[in-house]
Amino acid sequence: MAELRYYQHDAVVATYRHLREKNTNPCIDVSVGGGKSWIAAQIMSDVVKAWGGRVILLCHVKELLEQDLEKLNILSPDVKSGMYSAGFGRYDTDQPAIVAGIQSVYNKAKLFGHRDICIVDEAHMIQPNDEGMYGRFVDGLREINPKIRFVGMTATPYRLKGGLICQPQNLFNEICYSIGLKELIDKGFLSKLVAKSGKTLANLDNIHVRAGEFVAEEVEAAMMEQRIVASACREIVELTRDRKSVIVFCSSVAHSRTVAQLIAQYSGEECAVVTGDTPAPERAEILHRFKGGSIQTDLFGATKGPLKYVANVECLTTGFDAPNIDCVALLRPTMSPGLLLQMCGRGTRLSPDTGKQDCLILDFANNISRHGCLDQLRPPSEHTGEKRGPLAKACPECQTMMPLPVMTCPVCGYQFPAPEKKIRIEAEASTLGVISGEVTTETLEVTDVDYEPWTKRGAPPGAPRTVRVTYWCGLNERHSEWLCPEHTGYARRKFEQWFLARRAGDEVPVPSSVDEFLEAEFSGCVRRTKDITIRRVAGERFPDIIKSTPGDLPESSPWLHTEDIDPEDYADLPF
């Protein structure tokens, strides 16, 4: 018999406590991949075996119905259970434990008779004052048993429109138990998530928001732009050479087909496509192969082996469980934090049998930047569809935190640009941790360095100045740090270490002022910088420079060829 994990047990206990002590309907909030089906199975088993009651579970996803019933049969094989789903061709009604597809039963509540508990899997699908399928079925159950209690389960307890699902006026009124993505990863129940860098950006001027989400036609046009889709597919192939199972979320059917064609072209491997129009047998075959299986294609024993790549459009999010997925590529922008979590959640399952160490998230649509770290997602505003922003911001030059309305950094004088309303979609994936507190490092080659004197805005006369060092990496990326030759204490010692590692020779003295440093640099006495190492902390906007590697002397340096000069020649030099 299967045993629940500690948090699954705690969720069950919290649910029962709520049902005993309160008259409202509770909702269980467990992160994607946390095993909500086991929680539902335990509750269903207890309703039947411990209380002698009758229970029904509702869901809108065929695959989840199958999972929920399977877990119940494993956990309590002696519980009489059934399924009502046209998709499965099953129409059970009498068993004390039933799982049912809402599309099949919304107008058939009377078929199931008296029920004591109704569990709603993916409870965020119920709208406030729902007069649709869920609302009709709930009303039907209440007509039969006015005292019926409802228990919700979700990984995203909010909606794109309407905010939090638990409200006094809604079907579900309070979260009775919650455990997030970060804790499940830290405890070893879910796979670690990592992100990979990308630098090429494209500005999109005409994407609008309608009904809280990006307009689909405009998203498709933007993502189908040749440079974007080609660069993204090329990067997917390059970054997944050591990955086994890559799922790609696309913006449209046409986009998915283009993506599949390019990935196949760049990788030399098949990339299958799953859309809403994919016939059920073909879809089943694709997913079987994607999960590592093979199929026989003719009577002579020819086979199709496992698939590494699958591109899909709004099909393989909620309910699709493939633990072997070790890369999720996001090629569609979304305003929905819930959809973002569901897409990334396809890679959170553990898969020790395949040697999976982590899951790589490649975000080509700035979704993580737009919504924040996956364990800190918040519901969008009820009125605008926009996610509530932070209460403070960091200066990109010196990392000083300040209130949002401040447009000039009080420390270094950086001028914040006017708010940018355009959507930016990347042709390559962005470097962002996807779990808050996650620390990642990256070493970047430095192509050029700028030095300039800097005076703190509002500093009194005679206050120490600094040198702003700007490292250029590639065409457009830059990172800055500050040198403090005129300061004392730690800031001065840090500058001395920096300079001693770069001076042309031991006879070059350590500058005591900004002007002396700039003169030494201008005279070729300071080595170039080969590369820098930056550290990103997920949840923080800007990275820190933690290391810079000295390089060669500049070509103008008089120290480059001193070994070829006779000491007597110095007498002829005019200085």
Protein backbone atom coordinates (compact mmCIF):
# COMPACT_ATOMS: atom_id res chain seq x y z
CA MET A 1 0.00 0.00 0.00
CA ALA A 2 1.29 3.46 -0.91
CA GLU A 3 2.15 5.96 1.82
CA LEU A 4 1.63 9.69 1.63
CA ARG A 5 4.52 12.12 1.84
CA TYR A 6 4.56 14.24 5.00
CA TYR A 7 3.07 17.32 3.34
CA GLN A 8 0.35 15.30 1.62
CA HIS A 9 -0.62 13.88 5.01
CA ASP A 10 -0.53 17.38 6.52
CA ALA A 11 -2.80 18.66 3.73
CA VAL A 12 -5.36 15.94 4.48
CA VAL A 13 -5.27 16.67 8.23
CA ALA A 14 -5.64 20.42 7.60
CA THR A 15 -8.63 19.78 5.34
CA TYR A 16 -10.41 17.68 7.97
CA ARG A 17 -9.69 20.28 10.64
CA HIS A 18 -11.22 22.97 8.46
CA LEU A 19 -14.31 20.88 7.73
CA ARG A 20 -14.80 20.19 11.45
CA GLU A 21 -14.22 23.69 12.75
CA LYS A 22 -15.63 25.91 10.00
CA ASN A 23 -18.69 26.05 7.80
CA THR A 24 -16.82 27.31 4.76
CA ASN A 25 -15.28 25.36 1.88
CA PRO A 26 -11.49 24.87 1.99
CA CYS A 27 -8.96 24.77 -0.84
CA ILE A 28 -5.61 22.93 -0.85
CA ASP A 29 -2.73 24.76 -2.52
CA VAL A 30 0.06 22.34 -3.48
CA SER A 31 2.64 23.22 -6.13
CA VAL A 32 2.75 21.68 -9.58
CA GLY A 33 4.23 18.20 -9.33
CA GLY A 34 3.44 17.90 -5.62
CA GLY A 35 1.08 14.94 -6.03
CA LYS A 36 -2.39 16.37 -5.46
CA SER A 37 -3.89 13.14 -6.80
CA TRP A 38 -2.58 11.27 -3.74
CA ILE A 39 -4.20 13.84 -1.45
CA ALA A 40 -7.50 13.46 -3.29
CA ALA A 41 -7.22 9.67 -3.13
CA GLN A 42 -6.76 9.73 0.65
CA ILE A 43 -9.75 12.01 1.16
CA MET A 44 -11.94 9.89 -1.11
CA SER A 45 -10.86 6.74 0.70
CA ASP A 46 -11.60 8.23 4.12
CA VAL A 47 -15.03 9.49 3.04
CA VAL A 48 -16.03 5.98 2.01
CA LYS A 49 -14.22 3.77 4.52
CA ALA A 50 -14.03 5.92 7.66
CA TRP A 51 -17.26 7.90 7.35
CA GLY A 52 -19.43 5.59 5.28
CA GLY A 53 -20.10 8.48 2.92
CA ARG A 54 -20.18 9.12 -0.81
CA VAL A 55 -17.77 11.35 -2.73
CA ILE A 56 -17.35 12.68 -6.25
CA LEU A 57 -14.28 14.31 -7.79
CA LEU A 58 -14.60 16.76 -10.69
CA CYS A 59 -11.97 17.83 -13.21
CA HIS A 60 -11.89 19.33 -16.70
CA VAL A 61 -8.80 17.40 -17.87
CA LYS A 62 -9.11 13.83 -19.11
CA GLU A 63 -5.58 12.85 -18.10
CA LEU A 64 -6.10 14.08 -14.53
CA LEU A 65 -9.25 11.99 -14.15
CA GLU A 66 -7.28 8.91 -15.08
CA GLN A 67 -4.49 9.83 -12.63
CA ASP A 68 -6.92 10.53 -9.78
CA LEU A 69 -8.70 7.20 -10.20
CA GLU A 70 -5.43 5.32 -10.55
CA LYS A 71 -4.06 6.76 -7.29
CA LEU A 72 -7.28 5.89 -5.46
CA ASN A 73 -7.10 2.28 -6.67
CA ILE A 74 -3.45 2.03 -5.58
CA LEU A 75 -4.03 3.63 -2.18
CA SER A 76 -7.30 1.84 -1.36
CA PRO A 77 -8.02 -0.98 -3.80
CA ASP A 78 -10.98 -2.11 -1.65
CA VAL A 79 -12.89 1.13 -2.20
CA LYS A 80 -15.58 0.71 -4.85
CA SER A 81 -14.87 3.41 -7.41
CA GLY A 82 -15.95 4.43 -10.89
CA MET A 83 -15.58 7.03 -13.63
CA TYR A 84 -18.02 9.10 -15.63
CA SER A 85 -16.31 10.48 -18.74
CA ALA A 86 -17.39 10.45 -22.35
CA GLY A 87 -13.74 10.72 -23.34
CA PHE A 88 -13.06 7.33 -21.77
CA GLY A 89 -16.40 5.84 -22.72
CA ARG A 90 -17.26 5.14 -19.09
CA TYR A 91 -20.54 6.10 -17.41
CA ASP A 92 -20.44 4.84 -13.80
CA THR A 93 -22.85 6.48 -11.37
CA ASP A 94 -23.56 4.20 -8.41
CA GLN A 95 -20.15 3.67 -6.80
CA PRO A 96 -19.49 5.56 -3.53
CA ALA A 97 -16.34 7.12 -5.06
CA ILE A 98 -16.65 8.61 -8.55
CA VAL A 99 -14.27 10.71 -10.66
CA ALA A 100 -16.06 12.69 -13.35
CA GLY A 101 -15.27 15.01 -16.24
CA ILE A 102 -17.21 18.22 -15.76
CA GLN A 103 -17.90 18.43 -19.51
CA SER A 104 -19.74 15.09 -19.28
CA VAL A 105 -21.73 15.60 -16.07
CA TYR A 106 -22.46 19.33 -15.71
CA ASN A 107 -26.19 18.77 -16.30
CA LYS A 108 -26.45 15.30 -14.75
CA ALA A 109 -26.03 15.82 -10.99
CA LYS A 110 -29.14 13.76 -10.22
CA LEU A 111 -27.51 10.66 -11.72
CA PHE A 112 -25.05 10.49 -8.83
CA GLY A 113 -27.51 10.86 -6.00
CA HIS A 114 -26.54 11.97 -2.50
CA ARG A 115 -22.89 13.00 -2.15
CA ASP A 116 -21.26 14.18 1.08
CA ILE A 117 -18.06 15.60 -0.36
CA CYS A 118 -17.26 17.04 -3.79
CA ILE A 119 -13.57 17.50 -4.62
CA VAL A 120 -12.68 19.87 -7.46
CA ASP A 121 -9.28 19.22 -9.01
CA GLU A 122 -7.83 22.34 -10.69
CA ALA A 123 -10.20 24.48 -8.65
CA HIS A 124 -8.95 27.70 -10.22
CA MET A 125 -11.07 26.84 -13.27
CA ILE A 126 -14.24 27.79 -11.38
CA GLN A 127 -15.14 31.41 -12.03
CA PRO A 128 -16.72 33.71 -9.41
CA ASN A 129 -20.51 33.37 -9.41
CA ASP A 130 -20.03 30.59 -11.95
CA GLU A 131 -23.17 30.06 -14.01
CA GLY A 132 -21.41 27.68 -16.38
CA MET A 133 -20.77 23.96 -16.14
CA TYR A 134 -19.32 23.92 -12.63
CA GLY A 135 -22.02 26.23 -11.33
CA ARG A 136 -24.83 24.09 -12.74
CA PHE A 137 -23.38 20.88 -11.31
CA VAL A 138 -22.74 22.43 -7.88
CA ASP A 139 -26.32 23.70 -7.73
CA GLY A 140 -27.56 20.24 -8.68
CA LEU A 141 -25.56 18.58 -5.89
CA ARG A 142 -26.85 21.09 -3.36
CA GLU A 143 -30.44 20.42 -4.35
CA ILE A 144 -29.92 16.77 -3.42
CA ASN A 145 -27.83 17.45 -0.27
CA PRO A 146 -27.85 21.04 1.02
CA LYS A 147 -25.14 20.12 3.55
CA ILE A 148 -22.61 18.90 0.96
CA ARG A 149 -19.09 20.23 1.46
CA PHE A 150 -16.68 21.17 -1.33
CA VAL A 151 -12.88 20.78 -1.26
CA GLY A 152 -10.72 22.47 -3.89
CA MET A 153 -7.22 21.54 -5.04
CA THR A 154 -4.93 23.73 -7.12
CA ALA A 155 -1.33 24.78 -7.70
CA THR A 156 -2.38 28.29 -8.76
CA PRO A 157 -4.99 29.72 -6.35
CA TYR A 158 -5.70 32.73 -8.57
CA ARG A 159 -7.12 33.55 -11.98
CA LEU A 160 -5.95 35.74 -14.82
CA LYS A 161 -9.09 37.79 -14.23
CA GLY A 162 -10.58 37.95 -10.77
CA GLY A 163 -7.56 37.48 -8.52
CA LEU A 164 -7.57 34.98 -5.66
CA ILE A 165 -10.05 32.12 -6.01
CA CYS A 166 -10.73 31.96 -2.27
CA GLN A 167 -13.16 34.74 -1.42
CA PRO A 168 -16.16 34.91 0.95
CA GLN A 169 -18.57 35.03 -1.99
CA ASN A 170 -16.92 32.25 -4.01
CA LEU A 171 -17.38 28.48 -3.86
CA PHE A 172 -14.03 28.18 -2.07
CA ASN A 173 -13.45 30.52 0.82
CA GLU A 174 -10.08 29.83 2.40
CA ILE A 175 -6.75 28.11 1.74
CA CYS A 176 -6.50 25.43 4.42
CA TYR A 177 -3.03 24.19 3.46
CA SER A 178 -0.27 25.48 1.22
CA ILE A 179 3.17 24.26 0.18
CA GLY A 180 5.19 25.94 -2.54
CA LEU A 181 7.56 24.97 -5.29
CA LYS A 182 10.72 26.06 -3.49
CA GLU A 183 10.08 23.94 -0.39
CA LEU A 184 9.33 20.86 -2.47
CA ILE A 185 12.55 21.35 -4.44
CA ASP A 186 14.57 21.99 -1.28
CA LYS A 187 13.14 18.84 0.32
CA GLY A 188 14.06 16.76 -2.71
CA PHE A 189 10.51 15.99 -3.84
CA LEU A 190 10.79 17.94 -7.10
CA SER A 191 13.53 18.47 -9.63
CA LYS A 192 15.78 21.48 -9.47
CA LEU A 193 15.06 24.12 -12.11
CA VAL A 194 17.80 26.11 -13.85
CA ALA A 195 17.81 28.81 -16.52
CA LYS A 196 20.21 29.51 -19.37
CA SER A 197 21.37 32.85 -20.76
CA GLY A 198 20.60 34.50 -24.05
CA LYS A 199 21.41 37.97 -25.28
CA THR A 200 19.78 38.84 -28.62
CA LEU A 201 16.64 40.94 -28.12
CA ALA A 202 13.84 42.00 -30.43
CA ASN A 203 11.52 44.91 -29.75
CA LEU A 204 7.84 44.26 -30.48
CA ASP A 205 5.77 47.39 -30.88
CA ASN A 206 2.24 46.21 -31.52
CA ILE A 207 1.31 43.49 -29.05
CA HIS A 208 -1.85 44.39 -27.16
CA VAL A 209 -3.65 42.85 -24.20
CA ARG A 210 -7.26 41.75 -24.60
CA ALA A 211 -9.31 40.22 -21.77
CA GLY A 212 -6.18 40.05 -19.65
CA GLU A 213 -4.03 38.10 -22.15
CA PHE A 214 -1.83 38.98 -25.11
CA VAL A 215 -3.73 39.05 -28.40
CA ALA A 216 -3.06 35.67 -29.98
CA GLU A 217 -2.77 36.88 -33.58
CA GLU A 218 -0.19 39.51 -32.66
CA VAL A 219 1.79 37.03 -30.57
CA GLU A 220 1.85 34.59 -33.48
CA ALA A 221 3.08 37.26 -35.89
CA ALA A 222 5.80 38.34 -33.47
CA MET A 223 7.04 34.86 -32.68
CA MET A 224 6.97 33.82 -36.34
CA GLU A 225 9.43 36.59 -37.25
CA GLN A 226 12.21 34.71 -39.02
CA ARG A 227 15.15 35.97 -36.95
CA ILE A 228 13.39 35.22 -33.67
CA VAL A 229 12.17 31.72 -34.46
CA ALA A 230 15.37 30.66 -36.22
CA SER A 231 17.65 31.94 -33.46
CA ALA A 232 15.48 30.43 -30.73
CA CYS A 233 15.35 27.00 -32.39
CA ARG A 234 19.07 27.03 -33.02
CA GLU A 235 19.71 27.82 -29.36
CA ILE A 236 17.29 25.13 -28.20
CA VAL A 237 19.25 22.56 -30.18
CA GLU A 238 22.63 23.83 -28.99
CA LEU A 239 21.66 23.95 -25.32
CA THR A 240 19.90 20.59 -25.24
CA ARG A 241 22.53 18.35 -26.79
CA ASP A 242 22.97 16.65 -23.41
CA ARG A 243 19.24 16.69 -22.60
CA LYS A 244 16.91 13.76 -23.17
CA SER A 245 13.35 15.13 -23.38
CA VAL A 246 12.54 18.66 -24.54
CA ILE A 247 9.02 20.09 -24.56
CA VAL A 248 8.46 23.32 -26.48
CA PHE A 249 5.45 25.58 -25.87
CA CYS A 250 4.55 27.48 -29.03
CA SER A 251 2.24 30.38 -29.84
CA SER A 252 0.07 28.87 -32.59
CA VAL A 253 -0.37 25.83 -34.77
CA ALA A 254 1.58 27.41 -37.62
CA HIS A 255 4.29 28.47 -35.20
CA SER A 256 4.59 24.95 -33.76
CA ARG A 257 5.01 23.45 -37.21
CA THR A 258 7.71 25.97 -38.10
CA VAL A 259 9.49 25.32 -34.82
CA ALA A 260 9.35 21.55 -35.35
CA GLN A 261 10.74 21.90 -38.87
CA LEU A 262 13.64 24.11 -37.75
CA ILE A 263 14.53 21.97 -34.74
CA ALA A 264 14.58 18.88 -36.96
CA GLN A 265 16.73 20.75 -39.48
CA TYR A 266 19.26 21.96 -36.89
CA SER A 267 19.38 18.78 -34.80
CA GLY A 268 18.89 16.05 -37.37
CA GLU A 269 16.27 14.53 -35.06
CA GLU A 270 12.51 14.30 -35.35
CA CYS A 271 10.42 16.93 -33.58
CA ALA A 272 6.76 15.95 -33.24
CA VAL A 273 3.84 18.38 -33.02
CA VAL A 274 0.81 18.09 -30.75
CA THR A 275 -2.10 20.50 -31.17
CA GLY A 276 -5.80 20.44 -30.43
CA ASP A 277 -6.35 19.00 -33.90
CA THR A 278 -3.98 16.07 -33.48
CA PRO A 279 -6.01 12.83 -33.76
CA ALA A 280 -6.20 10.88 -30.50
CA PRO A 281 -4.30 7.79 -31.78
CA GLU A 282 -1.50 9.94 -33.20
CA ARG A 283 -1.32 11.98 -29.99
CA ALA A 284 -1.12 8.82 -27.88
CA GLU A 285 1.67 7.48 -30.11
CA ILE A 286 3.65 10.72 -29.86
CA LEU A 287 3.36 10.95 -26.09
CA HIS A 288 4.25 7.27 -25.66
CA ARG A 289 7.44 7.82 -27.64
CA PHE A 290 8.16 11.10 -25.85
CA LYS A 291 8.01 9.28 -22.52
CA GLY A 292 10.71 6.90 -23.76
CA GLY A 293 8.68 4.22 -25.49
CA SER A 294 8.90 2.73 -28.98
CA ILE A 295 6.19 1.59 -31.39
CA GLN A 296 6.13 -0.99 -34.15
CA THR A 297 5.32 0.54 -37.52
CA ASP A 298 4.78 -2.50 -39.73
CA LEU A 299 4.44 -6.28 -39.74
CA PHE A 300 8.14 -6.73 -40.37
CA GLY A 301 9.22 -5.33 -37.00
CA ALA A 302 10.24 -1.79 -38.02
CA THR A 303 9.94 0.59 -35.10
CA LYS A 304 9.92 4.26 -34.21
CA GLY A 305 12.07 4.95 -31.18
CA PRO A 306 11.77 7.51 -28.38
CA LEU A 307 11.25 11.19 -29.24
CA LYS A 308 13.50 13.87 -27.84
CA TYR A 309 11.58 16.93 -29.03
CA VAL A 310 7.84 17.72 -28.94
CA ALA A 311 6.35 21.09 -29.85
CA ASN A 312 2.81 21.80 -28.69
CA VAL A 313 0.15 24.48 -28.54
CA GLU A 314 -1.92 24.67 -25.32
CA CYS A 315 -2.15 20.89 -25.02
CA LEU A 316 0.52 19.56 -22.71
CA THR A 317 0.14 21.78 -19.65
CA THR A 318 -2.32 20.75 -16.95
CA GLY A 319 -2.52 16.99 -16.51
CA PHE A 320 0.39 15.99 -18.73
CA ASP A 321 2.85 14.01 -16.64
CA ALA A 322 6.20 13.01 -18.17
CA PRO A 323 8.87 12.87 -15.42
CA ASN A 324 11.65 12.44 -18.00
CA ILE A 325 11.25 16.03 -19.27
CA ASP A 326 14.53 17.81 -18.53
CA CYS A 327 14.05 20.94 -20.65
CA VAL A 328 11.07 23.27 -21.08
CA ALA A 329 11.34 25.88 -23.84
CA LEU A 330 8.88 28.76 -23.67
CA LEU A 331 8.23 30.24 -27.11
CA ARG A 332 5.03 32.03 -26.19
CA PRO A 333 4.50 35.04 -23.94
CA THR A 334 1.66 35.00 -21.44
CA MET A 335 0.11 37.40 -18.99
CA SER A 336 -1.05 34.47 -16.86
CA PRO A 337 1.24 33.52 -13.96
CA GLY A 338 -0.77 30.33 -13.60
CA LEU A 339 -0.10 29.27 -17.18
CA LEU A 340 3.60 30.07 -16.75
CA LEU A 341 3.76 27.82 -13.68
CA GLN A 342 1.87 25.04 -15.45
CA MET A 343 4.22 25.14 -18.44
CA CYS A 344 7.38 25.14 -16.32
CA GLY A 345 5.80 22.56 -14.05
CA ARG A 346 6.08 19.94 -16.78
CA GLY A 347 9.74 19.68 -15.86
CA THR A 348 9.48 19.54 -12.08
CA ARG A 349 9.01 15.78 -11.71
CA LEU A 350 11.89 13.61 -10.57
CA SER A 351 13.17 10.92 -12.92
CA PRO A 352 16.06 8.98 -11.37
CA ASP A 353 15.60 6.17 -13.90
CA THR A 354 16.64 8.50 -16.75
CA GLY A 355 19.51 10.10 -14.83
CA LYS A 356 17.74 13.47 -14.73
CA GLN A 357 19.64 15.97 -12.58
CA ASP A 358 17.59 19.10 -13.17
CA CYS A 359 15.28 20.76 -15.67
CA LEU A 360 16.47 23.56 -17.92
CA ILE A 361 13.97 26.38 -18.48
CA LEU A 362 14.60 28.32 -21.71
CA ASP A 363 12.43 31.43 -21.66
CA PHE A 364 12.30 33.16 -25.05
CA ALA A 365 9.35 35.43 -24.18
CA ASN A 366 10.46 37.21 -20.99
CA ASN A 367 7.79 35.38 -18.99
CA ILE A 368 9.90 34.92 -15.88
CA SER A 369 11.08 38.51 -16.07
CA ARG A 370 7.46 39.61 -16.48
CA HIS A 371 6.02 37.56 -13.62
CA GLY A 372 8.97 36.95 -11.31
CA CYS A 373 10.38 33.78 -9.78
CA LEU A 374 8.12 30.75 -10.03
CA ASP A 375 7.80 30.33 -6.27
CA GLN A 376 6.78 33.97 -5.83
CA LEU A 377 4.10 34.29 -8.49
CA ARG A 378 1.18 36.50 -7.52
CA PRO A 379 -2.28 36.95 -9.02
CA PRO A 380 -2.66 39.73 -11.59
CA SER A 381 -4.68 42.81 -10.78
CA GLU A 382 -8.40 42.25 -11.02
CA HIS A 383 -8.84 45.37 -13.13
CA THR A 384 -5.84 45.52 -15.42
CA GLY A 385 -4.61 41.95 -15.75
CA GLU A 386 -1.18 43.21 -14.73
CA LYS A 387 0.84 41.52 -12.02
CA ARG A 388 1.32 43.67 -8.92
CA GLY A 389 4.81 45.03 -9.08
CA PRO A 390 7.46 45.30 -6.34
CA LEU A 391 7.40 48.08 -3.79
CA ALA A 392 11.02 49.07 -4.47
CA LYS A 393 13.56 48.94 -7.27
CA ALA A 394 17.31 48.58 -7.61
CA CYS A 395 19.67 50.88 -9.47
CA PRO A 396 21.20 48.97 -12.41
CA GLU A 397 24.55 50.68 -11.88
CA CYS A 398 25.20 50.46 -8.13
CA GLN A 399 22.36 48.18 -6.93
CA THR A 400 21.03 50.71 -4.43
CA MET A 401 17.39 50.06 -3.48
CA MET A 402 14.92 52.92 -3.56
CA PRO A 403 11.16 53.62 -3.82
CA LEU A 404 9.53 53.12 -7.21
CA PRO A 405 8.73 56.81 -7.89
CA VAL A 406 12.41 57.88 -7.58
CA MET A 407 13.82 58.41 -11.08
CA THR A 408 17.38 59.41 -10.11
CA CYS A 409 19.59 57.16 -8.01
CA PRO A 410 20.65 59.15 -4.92
CA VAL A 411 23.98 57.32 -4.72
CA CYS A 412 25.43 57.25 -8.24
CA GLY A 413 23.10 59.57 -10.15
CA TYR A 414 21.79 56.97 -12.61
CA GLN A 415 18.73 58.26 -14.48
CA PHE A 416 15.97 55.69 -14.76
CA PRO A 417 14.33 55.60 -18.20
CA ALA A 418 10.66 56.27 -18.67
CA PRO A 419 8.50 53.14 -18.22
CA GLU A 420 8.67 50.89 -21.27
CA LYS A 421 5.28 49.61 -22.39
CA LYS A 422 6.43 47.51 -25.30
CA ILE A 423 6.79 43.77 -25.03
CA ARG A 424 10.30 42.48 -25.60
CA ILE A 425 10.67 38.94 -26.84
CA GLU A 426 14.10 37.42 -26.89
CA ALA A 427 15.62 35.54 -29.77
CA GLU A 428 17.64 33.70 -27.14
CA ALA A 429 16.71 32.65 -23.62
CA SER A 430 17.24 35.01 -20.70
CA THR A 431 19.51 34.33 -17.74
CA LEU A 432 17.16 34.27 -14.79
CA GLY A 433 16.92 31.95 -11.84
CA VAL A 434 13.44 30.51 -11.61
CA ILE A 435 13.37 29.94 -7.85
CA SER A 436 13.88 32.87 -5.46
CA GLY A 437 17.19 32.78 -3.65
CA GLU A 438 18.73 30.54 -6.29
CA VAL A 439 22.30 31.69 -6.99
CA THR A 440 23.78 31.27 -10.45
CA THR A 441 27.11 32.47 -11.79
CA GLU A 442 28.25 33.20 -15.31
CA THR A 443 31.61 34.19 -16.78
CA LEU A 444 31.48 36.72 -19.62
CA GLU A 445 34.24 37.67 -22.03
CA VAL A 446 35.04 41.39 -21.87
CA THR A 447 35.40 43.17 -25.20
CA ASP A 448 36.06 46.70 -23.91
CA VAL A 449 36.34 48.69 -20.66
CA ASP A 450 35.45 52.32 -19.93
CA TYR A 451 36.75 54.30 -16.94
CA GLU A 452 35.21 57.59 -15.83
CA PRO A 453 35.35 59.76 -12.70
CA TRP A 454 32.18 59.71 -10.61
CA THR A 455 30.91 61.99 -7.85
CA LYS A 456 27.98 60.99 -5.70
CA ARG A 457 25.01 63.26 -6.33
CA GLY A 458 24.57 65.71 -3.47
CA ALA A 459 28.01 64.97 -2.01
CA PRO A 460 29.59 67.86 -0.06
CA PRO A 461 32.64 69.64 -1.47
CA GLY A 462 35.82 67.63 -1.01
CA ALA A 463 34.01 64.30 -0.64
CA PRO A 464 35.91 61.31 -2.03
CA ARG A 465 35.24 60.54 -5.69
CA THR A 466 35.09 57.12 -7.33
CA VAL A 467 35.89 55.59 -10.70
CA ARG A 468 33.05 53.87 -12.52
CA VAL A 469 34.34 50.87 -14.47
CA THR A 470 32.05 49.68 -17.25
CA TYR A 471 32.78 46.26 -18.73
CA TRP A 472 31.33 45.69 -22.19
CA CYS A 473 30.47 42.07 -22.96
CA GLY A 474 29.39 41.40 -26.52
CA LEU A 475 27.61 44.12 -28.47
CA ASN A 476 25.12 45.49 -25.97
CA GLU A 477 25.61 43.90 -22.55
CA ARG A 478 27.45 45.89 -19.92
CA HIS A 479 28.15 45.57 -16.20
CA SER A 480 29.64 48.18 -13.86
CA GLU A 481 31.56 48.36 -10.61
CA TRP A 482 33.08 51.23 -8.65
CA LEU A 483 36.73 51.75 -7.62
CA CYS A 484 37.50 53.91 -4.59
CA PRO A 485 41.12 55.20 -4.66
CA GLU A 486 40.23 58.25 -2.53
CA HIS A 487 38.40 56.34 0.20
CA THR A 488 39.73 54.69 3.34
CA GLY A 489 39.13 51.37 5.03
CA TYR A 490 37.70 48.41 3.16
CA ALA A 491 36.86 50.39 -0.01
CA ARG A 492 40.48 51.55 -0.34
CA ARG A 493 41.90 48.08 0.36
CA LYS A 494 39.60 46.58 -2.25
CA PHE A 495 40.83 49.13 -4.82
CA GLU A 496 44.47 48.40 -3.94
CA GLN A 497 43.96 44.68 -4.54
CA TRP A 498 42.26 45.41 -7.85
CA PHE A 499 45.08 47.71 -9.00
CA LEU A 500 47.98 45.53 -7.81
CA ALA A 501 46.63 42.68 -9.90
CA ARG A 502 46.62 44.90 -13.01
CA ARG A 503 49.54 47.29 -12.82
CA ALA A 504 52.13 46.94 -15.56
CA GLY A 505 55.07 46.52 -13.22
CA ASP A 506 56.10 46.68 -9.58
CA GLU A 507 57.51 50.17 -10.08
CA VAL A 508 54.02 51.56 -10.83
CA PRO A 509 52.72 53.10 -7.58
CA VAL A 510 49.16 52.56 -6.40
CA PRO A 511 47.22 55.76 -7.20
CA SER A 512 45.91 57.79 -4.30
CA SER A 513 43.34 59.77 -6.29
CA VAL A 514 40.93 59.35 -9.17
CA ASP A 515 43.07 61.63 -11.38
CA GLU A 516 46.22 59.57 -10.71
CA PHE A 517 44.38 56.37 -11.61
CA LEU A 518 43.00 57.81 -14.85
CA GLU A 519 46.49 59.07 -15.80
CA ALA A 520 48.00 55.63 -15.11
CA GLU A 521 45.30 53.96 -17.20
CA PHE A 522 45.76 56.47 -20.03
CA SER A 523 49.54 55.89 -19.98
CA GLY A 524 49.10 52.13 -20.51
CA CYS A 525 50.00 51.17 -16.94
CA VAL A 526 46.78 49.19 -16.33
CA ARG A 527 46.16 45.78 -17.85
CA ARG A 528 43.03 45.04 -19.80
CA THR A 529 40.28 42.84 -18.31
CA LYS A 530 39.91 39.41 -19.90
CA ASP A 531 36.58 38.39 -18.41
CA ILE A 532 34.25 38.99 -15.48
CA THR A 533 32.18 36.59 -13.40
CA ILE A 534 28.75 37.79 -12.39
CA ARG A 535 26.44 36.34 -9.76
CA ARG A 536 22.69 36.41 -10.16
CA VAL A 537 20.33 35.82 -7.24
CA ALA A 538 16.84 34.87 -8.36
CA GLY A 539 14.33 37.41 -7.13
CA GLU A 540 16.89 40.25 -7.36
CA ARG A 541 16.85 42.33 -10.50
CA PHE A 542 20.54 43.02 -11.11
CA PRO A 543 23.67 40.84 -10.87
CA ASP A 544 26.87 41.49 -8.91
CA ILE A 545 30.40 41.34 -10.30
CA ILE A 546 32.23 38.88 -8.04
CA LYS A 547 35.44 38.47 -10.05
CA SER A 548 37.36 40.09 -12.89
CA THR A 549 40.35 38.47 -14.57
CA PRO A 550 43.28 40.70 -15.62
CA GLY A 551 44.35 40.35 -19.23
CA ASP A 552 47.16 41.67 -21.41
CA LEU A 553 48.64 45.14 -21.38
CA PRO A 554 47.21 47.58 -23.94
CA GLU A 555 49.15 47.89 -27.18
CA SER A 556 50.15 51.44 -26.26
CA SER A 557 51.81 50.36 -23.03
CA PRO A 558 55.55 51.28 -22.85
CA TRP A 559 56.06 48.08 -20.82
CA LEU A 560 55.26 45.78 -23.73
CA HIS A 561 58.65 45.80 -25.46
CA THR A 562 61.10 47.03 -22.85
CA GLU A 563 63.19 43.87 -23.24
CA ASP A 564 64.16 45.02 -26.76
CA ILE A 565 65.40 48.45 -25.64
CA ASP A 566 68.99 49.02 -24.61
CA PRO A 567 69.17 50.88 -21.29
CA GLU A 568 71.42 53.49 -22.90
CA ASP A 569 68.61 54.35 -25.31
CA TYR A 570 66.63 55.81 -22.42
CA ALA A 571 69.03 58.76 -22.43
CA ASP A 572 67.62 59.83 -25.78
CA LEU A 573 64.03 59.83 -24.60
CA PRO A 574 62.65 63.39 -24.11
CA PHE A 575 61.33 62.70 -20.60
